[in-house]
Protein backbone atom coordinates (compact mmCIF):
# COMPACT_ATOMS: atom_id res chain seq x y z
CA UNK A 1 -19.64 11.23 -14.34
CA UNK A 2 -19.23 7.43 -14.32
CA UNK A 3 -22.14 6.52 -16.60
CA UNK A 4 -20.33 3.75 -18.50
CA UNK A 5 -19.51 1.97 -15.22
CA UNK A 6 -23.06 0.63 -15.03
CA UNK A 7 -22.43 -1.17 -18.33
CA UNK A 8 -19.13 -2.53 -16.97
CA UNK A 9 -20.91 -3.83 -13.85
CA UNK A 10 -23.51 -5.59 -16.02
CA UNK A 11 -20.73 -7.07 -18.15
CA UNK A 12 -18.98 -8.49 -15.09
CA UNK A 13 -22.27 -9.97 -13.85
CA UNK A 14 -22.73 -11.68 -17.22
CA UNK A 15 -19.20 -13.09 -17.00
CA UNK A 16 -19.83 -14.43 -13.49
CA UNK A 17 -23.08 -16.04 -14.63
CA UNK A 18 -21.32 -17.72 -17.55
CA UNK A 19 -18.54 -18.94 -15.28
CA UNK A 20 -21.13 -20.57 -13.03
CA UNK A 21 -22.90 -22.40 -15.84
CA UNK A 22 -22.54 -26.21 -15.96
CA UNK A 23 -20.08 -27.45 -18.54
CA UNK A 24 -17.90 -24.33 -18.69
CA UNK A 25 -15.00 -26.53 -17.48
CA UNK A 26 -15.26 -28.44 -20.76
CA UNK A 27 -14.08 -25.31 -22.59
CA UNK A 28 -10.84 -24.40 -20.77
CA UNK A 29 -9.89 -21.72 -23.31
CA UNK A 30 -13.17 -19.86 -22.86
CA UNK A 31 -13.04 -20.28 -19.08
CA UNK A 32 -9.48 -18.88 -18.92
CA UNK A 33 -10.45 -15.88 -21.05
CA UNK A 34 -13.51 -15.19 -18.86
CA UNK A 35 -11.52 -15.47 -15.64
CA UNK A 36 -8.89 -13.08 -16.99
CA UNK A 37 -11.52 -10.54 -18.02
CA UNK A 38 -13.28 -10.89 -14.68
CA UNK A 39 -10.00 -10.26 -12.81
CA UNK A 40 -9.40 -7.12 -14.88
CA UNK A 41 -12.89 -5.75 -14.20
CA UNK A 42 -13.01 -6.64 -10.49
CA UNK A 43 -10.97 -3.68 -9.09
CA UNK A 44 -13.10 -1.25 -11.10
CA UNK A 45 -16.49 -2.70 -10.22
CA UNK A 46 -15.61 -3.21 -6.54
CA UNK A 47 -14.42 0.40 -6.25
CA UNK A 48 -17.55 1.60 -8.04
CA UNK A 49 -19.71 -0.33 -5.55
CA UNK A 50 -17.92 1.36 -2.64
CA UNK A 51 -18.32 4.73 -4.35
CA UNK A 52 -22.09 4.25 -4.78
CA UNK A 53 -22.41 3.28 -1.11
CA UNK A 54 -20.52 6.43 -0.06
CA UNK A 55 -22.88 8.52 -2.22
CA UNK A 56 -25.91 6.88 -0.59
CA UNK A 57 -24.46 7.36 2.89
CA UNK A 58 -23.83 11.06 2.18
CA UNK A 59 -27.34 11.57 0.81
CA UNK A 60 -28.92 9.70 3.73
CA UNK A 61 -26.96 11.73 6.29
CA UNK A 62 -27.99 14.96 4.61
CA UNK A 63 -31.66 13.95 4.52
CA UNK A 64 -31.67 12.91 8.18
CA UNK A 65 -29.89 16.14 9.14
CA UNK A 66 -32.74 18.14 7.62
CA UNK A 67 -35.29 16.23 9.71
CA UNK A 68 -33.39 15.93 13.00
CA UNK A 69 -34.11 18.50 15.72
CA UNK A 70 -31.83 17.24 18.47
CA UNK A 71 -28.52 19.25 18.44
CA UNK A 72 -26.35 16.28 19.47
CA UNK A 73 -27.84 14.00 16.83
CA UNK A 74 -27.47 16.74 14.22
CA UNK A 75 -23.76 17.02 15.11
CA UNK A 76 -23.32 13.26 14.77
CA UNK A 77 -25.08 13.28 11.41
CA UNK A 78 -22.93 16.21 10.31
CA UNK A 79 -19.78 14.17 11.06
CA UNK A 80 -21.20 11.18 9.16
CA UNK A 81 -22.01 13.45 6.22
CA UNK A 82 -18.48 14.89 6.19
CA UNK A 83 -16.90 11.42 6.45
CA UNK A 84 -19.08 10.02 3.64
CA UNK A 85 -18.34 13.01 1.41
CA UNK A 86 -14.60 12.62 1.94
CA UNK A 87 -14.79 8.89 1.20
CA UNK A 88 -16.87 9.61 -1.92
CA UNK A 89 -14.25 12.06 -3.22
CA UNK A 90 -11.39 9.63 -2.55
CA UNK A 91 -13.18 6.79 -4.34
CA UNK A 92 -14.07 9.08 -7.26
CA UNK A 93 -10.38 9.90 -7.68
CA UNK A 94 -9.51 6.21 -7.60
CA UNK A 95 -12.17 5.49 -10.22
CA UNK A 96 -10.78 8.18 -12.53
CA UNK A 97 -7.38 6.49 -12.37
CA UNK A 98 -8.85 3.04 -12.98
CA UNK A 99 -10.72 4.39 -16.01
CA UNK A 100 -7.58 5.75 -17.67
CA UNK A 101 -6.64 3.80 -20.83
CA UNK A 102 -4.52 0.81 -19.93
CA UNK A 103 -0.87 0.92 -20.94
CA UNK A 104 -0.50 -1.80 -23.62
CA UNK A 105 2.96 -2.61 -22.22
CA UNK A 106 1.77 -3.04 -18.64
CA UNK A 107 3.18 -6.21 -17.12
CA UNK A 108 6.06 -6.50 -19.59
CA UNK A 109 9.67 -7.06 -18.62
CA UNK A 110 12.16 -4.40 -19.72
CA UNK A 111 15.37 -4.25 -21.71
CA UNK A 112 17.73 -1.58 -20.33
CA UNK A 113 20.50 -0.08 -22.44
CA UNK A 114 23.09 2.19 -20.77
CA UNK A 115 25.71 4.02 -22.85
CA UNK A 116 28.59 6.17 -21.62
CA UNK A 117 28.23 9.72 -22.93
CA UNK A 118 30.47 12.75 -22.59
CA UNK A 119 33.25 12.42 -20.04
CA UNK A 120 35.63 9.69 -21.22
CA UNK A 121 36.56 7.07 -18.61
CA UNK A 122 34.52 8.87 -15.96
CA UNK A 123 31.39 8.55 -18.12
CA UNK A 124 32.05 4.80 -18.44
CA UNK A 125 32.42 4.53 -14.65
CA UNK A 126 29.19 6.48 -14.27
CA UNK A 127 27.43 4.05 -16.65
CA UNK A 128 28.60 1.20 -14.39
CA UNK A 129 27.26 3.06 -11.34
CA UNK A 130 23.87 3.41 -13.02
CA UNK A 131 23.89 -0.31 -13.82
CA UNK A 132 24.55 -1.07 -10.15
CA UNK A 133 21.80 1.38 -9.09
CA UNK A 134 19.21 -0.34 -11.27
CA UNK A 135 20.22 -3.87 -10.29
CA UNK A 136 20.10 -2.88 -6.60
CA UNK A 137 16.63 -1.44 -7.26
CA UNK A 138 15.67 -4.75 -8.87
CA UNK A 139 16.88 -6.58 -5.76
CA UNK A 140 14.76 -4.32 -3.54
CA UNK A 141 11.67 -4.93 -5.71
CA UNK A 142 12.21 -8.69 -5.90
CA UNK A 143 12.86 -8.57 -9.66
CA UNK A 144 15.40 -10.70 -11.50
CA UNK A 145 17.96 -9.36 -13.97
CA UNK A 146 20.32 -10.77 -16.55
CA UNK A 147 23.16 -9.22 -18.52
CA UNK A 148 22.67 -9.50 -22.27
CA UNK A 149 25.67 -7.64 -23.66
CA UNK A 150 28.41 -5.40 -22.29
CA UNK A 151 31.49 -3.54 -23.42
CA UNK A 152 33.94 -2.55 -20.67
CA UNK A 153 36.59 0.16 -20.69
CA UNK A 154 39.24 -1.74 -18.72
CA UNK A 155 38.95 0.10 -15.38
CA UNK A 156 35.56 -1.18 -14.26
CA UNK A 157 33.36 1.04 -16.39
CA UNK A 158 30.92 0.30 -19.20
CA UNK A 159 31.14 1.85 -22.63
CA UNK A 160 27.78 0.17 -23.11
CA UNK A 161 25.71 -2.50 -21.42
CA UNK A 162 22.37 -4.07 -22.19
CA UNK A 163 20.49 -6.12 -19.61
CA UNK A 164 17.01 -7.42 -18.90
CA UNK A 165 14.94 -6.80 -15.77
CA UNK A 166 12.02 -9.18 -15.19
CA UNK A 167 9.18 -8.48 -12.80
CA UNK A 168 5.38 -7.98 -12.86
CA UNK A 169 5.62 -4.18 -12.53
CA UNK A 170 9.07 -3.63 -14.07
CA UNK A 171 7.80 -1.61 -17.03
CA UNK A 172 5.44 0.54 -14.96
CA UNK A 173 8.23 1.55 -12.56
CA UNK A 174 11.22 1.68 -14.92
CA UNK A 175 9.77 3.39 -17.98
CA UNK A 176 10.52 6.92 -16.78
CA UNK A 177 14.28 6.26 -16.61
CA UNK A 178 14.90 6.84 -20.34
CA UNK A 179 17.04 9.88 -21.03
CA UNK A 180 20.38 11.47 -20.14
CA UNK A 181 21.60 11.06 -16.56
CA UNK A 182 24.17 13.71 -15.67
CA UNK A 183 26.67 13.36 -12.83
CA UNK A 184 28.72 16.08 -11.10
CA UNK A 185 31.54 14.78 -8.89
CA UNK A 186 35.30 14.48 -8.47
CA UNK A 187 36.23 11.47 -10.63
CA UNK A 188 38.55 8.77 -9.31
CA UNK A 189 40.59 9.43 -12.44
CA UNK A 190 41.07 13.11 -11.43
CA UNK A 191 44.23 13.78 -9.39
CA UNK A 192 43.62 17.51 -8.94
CA UNK A 193 40.31 17.18 -7.08
CA UNK A 194 38.33 19.07 -9.70
CA UNK A 195 34.61 18.45 -10.12
CA UNK A 196 33.72 17.05 -13.52
CA UNK A 197 30.39 16.82 -15.27
CA UNK A 198 29.82 13.59 -17.18
CA UNK A 199 26.79 11.82 -18.58
CA UNK A 200 25.36 8.47 -19.58
CA UNK A 201 22.23 7.76 -21.57
CA UNK A 202 19.61 5.22 -20.59
CA UNK A 203 17.01 3.62 -22.84
CA UNK A 204 14.18 1.57 -21.33
CA UNK A 205 12.41 -0.73 -23.78
CA UNK A 206 9.50 -3.07 -23.06
CA UNK A 207 10.44 -6.65 -23.89
CA UNK A 208 8.54 -7.40 -27.08
CA UNK A 209 6.94 -10.75 -27.79
CA UNK A 210 6.99 -12.39 -31.19
CA UNK A 211 3.35 -11.38 -31.62
CA UNK A 212 4.34 -7.72 -31.09
CA UNK A 213 6.98 -7.65 -33.83
CA UNK A 214 7.37 -9.99 -36.76
CA UNK A 215 10.95 -10.26 -38.02
CA UNK A 216 11.69 -11.75 -41.43
CA UNK A 217 14.72 -14.08 -41.08
CA UNK A 218 15.93 -12.81 -44.47
CA UNK A 219 16.34 -9.34 -42.95
CA UNK A 220 18.82 -10.52 -40.29
CA UNK A 221 22.49 -11.24 -40.90
CA UNK A 222 24.42 -13.18 -38.24
CA UNK A 223 28.20 -13.22 -37.83
CA UNK A 224 30.04 -15.27 -35.22
CA UNK A 225 33.38 -14.42 -33.67
CA UNK A 226 35.58 -15.31 -30.73
CA UNK A 227 34.61 -13.58 -27.50
CA UNK A 228 37.12 -11.25 -25.87
CA UNK A 229 37.66 -10.10 -22.30
CA UNK A 230 36.60 -11.91 -19.14
CA UNK A 231 34.49 -15.00 -19.49
CA UNK A 232 36.69 -18.01 -18.91
CA UNK A 233 38.69 -20.30 -21.11
CA UNK A 234 35.70 -21.82 -22.90
CA UNK A 235 34.24 -18.47 -23.88
CA UNK A 236 37.51 -17.10 -25.19
CA UNK A 237 38.52 -20.12 -27.28
CA UNK A 238 35.30 -20.81 -29.20
CA UNK A 239 33.34 -18.78 -31.76
CA UNK A 240 30.45 -18.27 -29.34
CA UNK A 241 29.98 -14.52 -29.74
CA UNK A 242 27.27 -13.30 -32.12
CA UNK A 243 26.92 -10.11 -34.11
CA UNK A 244 23.44 -9.45 -35.48
CA UNK A 245 22.74 -6.92 -38.24
CA UNK A 246 19.17 -5.97 -39.09
CA UNK A 247 19.48 -5.01 -42.76
CA UNK A 248 16.37 -2.77 -43.15
CA UNK A 249 17.27 -0.53 -40.18
CA UNK A 250 21.04 -1.00 -39.88
CA UNK A 251 20.73 -1.95 -36.20
CA UNK A 252 23.78 -3.92 -35.02
CA UNK A 253 23.77 -5.94 -31.79
CA UNK A 254 26.70 -7.94 -30.43
CA UNK A 255 26.33 -10.51 -27.67
CA UNK A 256 29.12 -12.58 -26.14
CA UNK A 257 28.17 -13.02 -22.49
CA UNK A 258 27.07 -16.65 -22.86
CA UNK A 259 29.27 -19.66 -23.66
CA UNK A 260 26.62 -20.89 -26.07
CA UNK A 261 26.32 -19.35 -29.52
CA UNK A 262 22.62 -20.29 -29.54
CA UNK A 263 21.98 -18.43 -26.26
CA UNK A 264 23.86 -15.36 -27.50
CA UNK A 265 21.80 -15.40 -30.70
CA UNK A 266 18.57 -15.67 -28.70
CA UNK A 267 19.56 -12.73 -26.49
CA UNK A 268 20.51 -10.59 -29.49
CA UNK A 269 17.15 -11.33 -31.13
CA UNK A 270 15.38 -10.36 -27.91
CA UNK A 271 17.08 -6.94 -27.97
CA UNK A 272 16.38 -6.44 -31.68
CA UNK A 273 12.70 -7.29 -31.23
CA UNK A 274 12.38 -4.75 -28.40
CA UNK A 275 14.22 -2.04 -30.39
CA UNK A 276 11.95 -2.55 -33.40
CA UNK A 277 8.90 -2.51 -31.13
CA UNK A 278 9.96 0.86 -29.67
CA UNK A 279 10.58 2.24 -33.18
CA UNK A 280 7.10 1.10 -34.20
CA UNK A 281 5.55 2.79 -31.15
CA UNK A 282 7.45 6.03 -31.78
CA UNK A 283 6.17 6.13 -35.35
CA UNK A 284 2.62 5.72 -34.06
CA UNK A 285 3.12 8.41 -31.43
CA UNK A 286 4.57 10.87 -33.93
CA UNK A 287 1.28 10.60 -35.78
CA UNK A 288 -0.45 11.68 -32.57
CA UNK A 289 1.87 14.53 -31.56
CA UNK A 290 -0.57 15.86 -28.97
CA UNK A 291 -0.15 12.64 -27.00
CA UNK A 292 3.53 13.35 -26.37
CA UNK A 293 2.67 16.73 -24.85
CA UNK A 294 0.96 14.94 -21.98
CA UNK A 295 3.81 12.55 -21.19
CA UNK A 296 6.50 12.91 -18.53
CA UNK A 297 9.37 13.31 -20.95
CA UNK A 298 9.54 11.85 -24.40
CA UNK A 299 11.80 8.92 -23.55
CA UNK A 300 14.39 10.44 -25.89
CA UNK A 301 17.90 9.65 -24.66
CA UNK A 302 19.04 13.15 -25.67
CA UNK A 303 16.75 14.68 -23.07
CA UNK A 304 18.52 15.49 -19.77
CA UNK A 305 16.19 14.06 -17.17
CA UNK A 306 18.24 13.93 -13.96
CA UNK A 307 21.34 15.35 -12.30
CA UNK A 308 23.29 13.58 -9.55
CA UNK A 309 25.47 16.07 -7.62
CA UNK A 310 27.70 14.14 -5.22
CA UNK A 311 29.29 17.23 -3.65
CA UNK A 312 25.90 18.51 -2.52
CA UNK A 313 24.46 15.04 -1.93
CA UNK A 314 21.45 15.76 -4.11
CA UNK A 315 19.55 14.18 -6.97
CA UNK A 316 17.31 16.43 -9.10
CA UNK A 317 14.73 15.18 -11.57
CA UNK A 318 14.28 18.05 -14.02
CA UNK A 319 10.96 16.86 -15.44
CA UNK A 320 9.04 17.18 -12.19
CA UNK A 321 11.39 19.63 -10.44
CA UNK A 322 11.99 17.26 -7.55
CA UNK A 323 15.24 17.40 -5.54
CA UNK A 324 16.14 14.80 -2.93
CA UNK A 325 19.15 15.14 -0.61
CA UNK A 326 19.98 11.46 -0.15
CA UNK A 327 22.16 10.53 -3.06
CA UNK A 328 23.83 7.59 -1.29
CA UNK A 329 20.58 5.68 -0.72
CA UNK A 330 19.37 6.46 -4.25
CA UNK A 331 22.61 5.13 -5.77
CA UNK A 332 22.06 2.04 -3.62
CA UNK A 333 18.79 1.42 -5.44
CA UNK A 334 16.30 3.25 -3.21
CA UNK A 335 14.38 4.73 -6.15
CA UNK A 336 10.78 4.34 -5.02
CA UNK A 337 10.30 7.97 -3.92
CA UNK A 338 11.46 9.20 -7.33
CA UNK A 339 9.45 6.57 -9.18
CA UNK A 340 6.26 7.15 -7.18
CA UNK A 341 6.49 10.91 -7.84
CA UNK A 342 6.93 10.31 -11.59
CA UNK A 343 3.99 7.89 -11.70
CA UNK A 344 1.79 10.39 -9.82
CA UNK A 345 2.83 13.19 -12.18
CA UNK A 346 2.10 11.05 -15.22
CA UNK A 347 -1.32 10.13 -13.86
CA UNK A 348 -2.12 13.80 -13.16
CA UNK A 349 -1.09 14.74 -16.71
CA UNK A 350 -3.19 11.96 -18.21
CA UNK A 351 -6.20 12.94 -16.09
CA UNK A 352 -5.72 16.55 -17.19
CA UNK A 353 -5.59 15.45 -20.83
CA UNK A 354 -8.71 13.37 -20.30
CA UNK A 355 -10.54 16.41 -18.89
CA UNK A 356 -9.53 18.50 -21.91
CA UNK A 357 -10.92 15.86 -24.27
CA UNK A 358 -14.31 15.72 -22.56
């Protein structure tokens, strides 16, 4: 079942031997590459070693059980056999997960875009609530976040906001949030106490590096203008705001949150690069339509992924049919139970797809 792991073990041994050779320090580039590869292989080879030991322990217990005549010793060996078999199965499951193809975006920061959908001012307020939920989640995870661009509606809501979340596992844990988030509650703007259904869309994009997407400067048009809204005297009296237009795609990004025109331009380029990277990935995935069948949602913002019902105190994720009755803590950023369930579902789907291919 794990035939290729023997080759991986040999490869790691070769890396360790090369790292121990005299003079490797004189080639820091090669040494860094070897250490990185060794670190990537270590969890897999260590788990495989534990798995092989559990297999040997199970086989040894079974062999001794066949030879042992004493009832008490046979019972002890039976317990050892059962324990070794259970450990073997657990480690085999862990190995299957470690052998899944690595997500090329693993370890990347994310760009989050939230847009108010149907529901007028209430939808804008809901978009602001989602922004707070994600930034509170970032606080809980020890991530940092930074606003890139925002458009307010005047009563504390967001027509649109774009922000960055930075953290070692930000992409792994945030990537399932793309889609339509529906809310059912009595809006603060409703005087009659009627429940209203509103929505906001969320797009999660991995932050793309320059090596991921090459942008021709000739394809980008920049306009500068005076920032509006809150931001202080300096922001509102200088042409610090930037509007970027990507001519081949028609993508337009405005950024005015910084006092510096250069910083606003840099932020806008960061968003553009991530948007183009996602478009590139979607084109590749459309060529492999079967791949999308095995994903938890397509990441399409038009797909309704979750409903937040404040009257009933529940949050329902429609992709995995999970309902939690603790809406207050979830809105305060306690998303791990939802995220862990989505990650587990995705892993199960990928393992199922892997089984079908073999």
